[in-house]
Amino acid sequence: MMLSGFDHVFAPKGFSEIVLTRTLGNFQSPALPGRTYDETIVDTFLANGMKLVDEKNVDPANDGIILQSCLTDRLMFGLGMQAVRPPEGLWEATTVEYERRRPGFFRRQFTDPNKWLFK
């Protein structure tokens, strides 16, 4: 039932099942031993974030270097940890900041170059 509910919210269909399968698989046998559950979730998403749409244009020899960079970069890992366990008040502060910066209705409607260039 949970996966069915996720499929109504997330796209493409089946995305939530793949995410949960990979994350639970990492809990059973972590790719990087000695990691906490939170760190394992971040590891999984950082590694899966490397999956490219067109992989034939990427040199596979660079995969290890890129993955190591993602997992050891303090800023990337820190952001991942905040997504797993958000600090108290993060979402409220984000919502307030978004509303503060969001342009008004008319500006959104009439200054979007995608609308007047491509539609």
Protein backbone atom coordinates (compact mmCIF):
# COMPACT_ATOMS: atom_id res chain seq x y z
CA MET A 1 0.00 0.00 0.00
CA MET A 2 2.86 2.35 0.82
CA LEU A 3 4.51 1.79 -2.59
CA SER A 4 1.18 2.29 -4.32
CA GLY A 5 0.78 5.61 -2.50
CA PHE A 6 4.30 6.69 -3.44
CA ASP A 7 3.61 5.83 -7.09
CA HIS A 8 0.72 8.30 -7.07
CA VAL A 9 3.06 11.04 -5.90
CA PHE A 10 6.42 10.29 -7.51
CA ALA A 11 7.32 9.79 -11.16
CA PRO A 12 8.26 7.67 -13.00
CA LYS A 13 6.16 4.74 -11.84
CA GLY A 14 8.24 2.21 -9.95
CA PHE A 15 10.73 4.85 -8.76
CA SER A 16 9.87 4.40 -5.08
CA GLU A 17 10.24 0.61 -5.26
CA ILE A 18 13.73 0.93 -6.76
CA VAL A 19 14.77 3.48 -4.13
CA LEU A 20 13.52 1.35 -1.24
CA THR A 21 15.02 -1.85 -2.67
CA ARG A 22 18.46 -0.28 -3.09
CA THR A 23 18.40 1.40 0.29
CA LEU A 24 17.27 -1.74 2.14
CA GLY A 25 19.83 -3.77 0.20
CA ASN A 26 22.54 -1.43 1.45
CA PHE A 27 21.34 -1.84 5.04
CA GLN A 28 21.69 -5.61 4.75
CA SER A 29 25.14 -5.40 3.20
CA PRO A 30 26.53 -1.83 3.27
CA ALA A 31 28.72 -0.89 0.33
CA LEU A 32 30.97 0.96 2.78
CA PRO A 33 31.32 -1.02 6.06
CA GLY A 34 31.15 0.78 9.38
CA ARG A 35 28.60 3.37 8.23
CA THR A 36 25.50 4.38 10.21
CA TYR A 37 22.05 3.92 8.68
CA ASP A 38 21.85 7.65 7.90
CA GLU A 39 25.27 7.59 6.22
CA THR A 40 24.26 4.50 4.23
CA ILE A 41 21.16 6.28 2.91
CA VAL A 42 23.27 9.26 1.82
CA ASP A 43 25.85 6.92 0.25
CA THR A 44 23.10 5.19 -1.71
CA PHE A 45 21.60 8.41 -3.05
CA LEU A 46 24.97 9.96 -3.91
CA ALA A 47 26.00 6.81 -5.77
CA ASN A 48 22.66 6.48 -7.56
CA GLY A 49 22.79 10.17 -8.46
CA MET A 50 25.73 9.33 -10.71
CA LYS A 51 23.45 7.26 -12.98
CA LEU A 52 23.37 9.23 -16.20
CA VAL A 53 20.75 9.22 -18.93
CA ASP A 54 23.30 8.66 -21.67
CA GLU A 55 26.11 6.61 -20.16
CA LYS A 56 27.80 5.77 -23.47
CA ASN A 57 29.23 9.31 -23.53
CA VAL A 58 30.99 8.85 -20.17
CA ASP A 59 34.35 7.17 -19.65
CA PRO A 60 33.69 4.32 -17.18
CA ALA A 61 37.28 4.66 -15.91
CA ASN A 62 36.22 7.90 -14.19
CA ASP A 63 33.34 6.32 -12.22
CA GLY A 64 35.48 5.43 -9.19
CA ILE A 65 37.03 8.88 -9.01
CA ILE A 66 33.64 10.59 -9.29
CA LEU A 67 32.06 8.29 -6.69
CA GLN A 68 34.95 8.77 -4.27
CA SER A 69 34.66 12.54 -4.73
CA CYS A 70 30.92 12.48 -4.01
CA LEU A 71 31.25 10.34 -0.89
CA THR A 72 34.20 12.25 0.58
CA ASP A 73 33.08 15.78 -0.30
CA ARG A 74 32.01 17.30 3.04
CA LEU A 75 29.54 19.74 1.47
CA MET A 76 27.76 17.09 -0.66
CA PHE A 77 27.69 14.60 2.19
CA GLY A 78 26.52 17.27 4.65
CA LEU A 79 23.64 18.24 2.38
CA GLY A 80 22.71 14.58 2.04
CA MET A 81 22.72 14.16 5.82
CA GLN A 82 20.45 17.19 6.19
CA ALA A 83 18.04 15.63 3.70
CA VAL A 84 18.01 12.37 5.68
CA ARG A 85 17.62 14.05 9.08
CA PRO A 86 16.68 17.68 8.56
CA PRO A 87 17.68 20.07 11.33
CA GLU A 88 14.74 21.38 13.33
CA GLY A 89 13.03 24.25 11.52
CA LEU A 90 14.78 23.64 8.15
CA TRP A 91 11.58 23.13 6.15
CA GLU A 92 9.83 26.07 7.79
CA ALA A 93 12.84 28.33 7.07
CA THR A 94 12.99 27.03 3.48
CA THR A 95 9.28 27.75 2.95
CA VAL A 96 9.61 31.27 4.35
CA GLU A 97 12.65 31.97 2.14
CA TYR A 98 10.90 30.58 -0.95
CA GLU A 99 7.82 32.74 -0.35
CA ARG A 100 10.06 35.78 0.22
CA ARG A 101 11.92 35.29 -3.07
CA ARG A 102 9.06 33.98 -5.21
CA PRO A 103 8.04 36.53 -7.84
CA GLY A 104 4.42 37.67 -7.99
CA PHE A 105 1.77 36.14 -10.25
CA PHE A 106 2.12 38.63 -13.14
CA ARG A 107 5.89 38.46 -13.16
CA ARG A 108 5.77 34.64 -13.24
CA GLN A 109 3.25 34.69 -16.09
CA PHE A 110 4.81 37.32 -18.31
CA THR A 111 8.55 37.09 -17.75
CA ASP A 112 9.04 33.36 -18.31
CA PRO A 113 11.16 33.11 -21.49
CA ASN A 114 10.14 29.48 -21.99
CA LYS A 115 6.52 30.52 -22.42
CA TRP A 116 7.07 33.23 -24.98
CA LEU A 117 9.95 31.59 -26.84
CA PHE A 118 8.82 28.00 -27.14
CA LYS A 119 5.04 27.95 -26.86
